[in-house]
Protein backbone atom coordinates (compact mmCIF):
# COMPACT_ATOMS: atom_id res chain seq x y z
CA MET A 1 0.01 0.00 0.00
CA ILE A 2 1.30 3.42 -0.97
CA VAL A 3 0.25 6.58 0.84
CA GLY A 4 -1.94 8.60 -1.51
CA ASP A 5 -3.37 5.57 -3.36
CA TYR A 6 -7.13 5.05 -3.58
CA ILE A 7 -8.98 1.75 -3.14
CA GLU A 8 -12.53 1.20 -4.39
CA ASN A 9 -15.46 -0.58 -2.71
CA ILE A 10 -14.12 -1.89 0.61
CA GLU A 11 -16.46 -3.87 2.88
CA CYS A 12 -15.76 -3.19 6.56
CA GLU A 13 -17.09 -3.62 10.09
CA SER A 14 -17.11 -1.82 13.42
CA PHE A 15 -15.02 -3.27 16.27
CA LEU A 16 -13.62 -2.34 19.65
CA ASP A 17 -9.95 -1.44 19.18
CA PRO A 18 -8.00 -3.08 22.02
CA GLU A 19 -5.15 -0.52 21.65
CA THR A 20 -7.38 2.51 22.30
CA GLY A 21 -10.58 1.06 23.82
CA ARG A 22 -12.54 2.99 21.15
CA VAL A 23 -14.96 1.82 18.45
CA ARG A 24 -13.20 1.78 15.10
CA ILE A 25 -13.93 0.57 11.57
CA ARG A 26 -11.71 -2.05 9.85
CA PRO A 27 -11.72 -3.81 6.48
CA LEU A 28 -13.25 -7.30 6.30
CA PRO A 29 -10.91 -10.20 5.31
CA ASN A 30 -10.32 -11.48 1.76
CA GLN A 31 -10.17 -8.11 -0.03
CA ASP A 32 -6.43 -7.69 -0.53
CA VAL A 33 -6.45 -5.01 2.18
CA PRO A 34 -4.86 -5.63 5.61
CA THR A 35 -7.57 -6.11 8.28
CA ASN A 36 -5.36 -4.39 10.91
CA LEU A 37 -5.87 -0.97 9.26
CA VAL A 38 -8.55 1.37 10.56
CA ILE A 39 -10.87 3.39 8.33
CA GLU A 40 -11.39 7.02 9.29
CA CYS A 41 -15.05 7.97 8.91
CA SER A 42 -17.78 10.05 10.50
CA ARG A 43 -18.25 9.47 14.23
CA THR A 44 -21.90 8.64 13.49
CA PHE A 45 -20.86 5.22 12.15
CA ARG A 46 -19.01 4.43 15.39
CA ASP A 47 -22.03 5.17 17.58
CA THR A 48 -22.95 1.80 19.12
CA ALA A 49 -26.47 2.99 20.03
CA LYS A 50 -27.18 3.37 16.29
CA TYR A 51 -24.78 0.74 14.87
CA PRO A 52 -23.87 -2.14 17.26
CA LEU A 53 -20.33 -3.57 17.24
CA GLY A 54 -19.89 -5.82 14.22
CA THR A 55 -22.18 -3.76 11.95
CA LYS A 56 -21.03 -4.20 8.35
CA PHE A 57 -20.52 -1.25 6.02
CA LYS A 58 -19.23 -0.55 2.50
CA THR A 59 -17.12 2.37 1.33
CA GLU A 60 -17.14 3.61 -2.24
CA ASN A 61 -13.59 4.92 -2.12
CA VAL A 62 -10.83 5.09 0.53
CA LYS A 63 -7.49 6.86 0.46
CA VAL A 64 -4.37 5.38 2.00
CA CYS A 65 -3.07 7.97 4.55
CA GLN A 66 -0.44 8.37 7.23
CA LYS A 67 0.18 11.19 9.67
CA ASP A 68 3.73 12.40 10.41
CA VAL A 69 3.76 10.18 13.47
CA GLY A 70 1.48 7.15 13.46
CA ARG A 71 0.28 4.12 11.60
CA ILE A 72 -1.07 3.89 8.08
CA TYR A 73 -4.84 4.20 7.91
CA LEU A 74 -7.62 4.54 5.33
CA ARG A 75 -9.89 7.57 4.99
CA ALA A 76 -13.36 7.07 3.58
CA GLN A 77 -14.35 9.49 0.84
CA ASP A 78 -16.34 12.33 2.46
CA GLN A 79 -16.01 10.19 5.63
CA MET A 80 -19.11 8.26 4.48
CA LEU A 81 -19.97 4.58 4.91
CA TYR A 82 -23.04 2.70 3.74
CA LYS A 83 -24.62 -0.02 5.89
CA ILE A 84 -24.90 -3.42 4.17
C-alpha cells in the first residue's frame, strides 16, 4: 500500500480497538487489504447505540493515509460509509 493511493469498494465492520478502547472501523478479510488498518469515517458510524459492534458497512472509495507520526490508515471518501 502506498500513501496517496485510492482503493474502491471496501467492505468493513465496526469493532472495539484493544489498543485504544474505542470503536473503530476495519476492512473485512479477503479483499487484498490488511484487516489491521482502521478506516477514518464520521463518528456517526461508530455510535454503538445506532450501529452495534460488528455492523457491516461498505465504502465507495478510501485513500491510504499516514500522519507524520502514526500508523497507516484509510480515509473514507467524504467520511461516508453505507450499511450493508
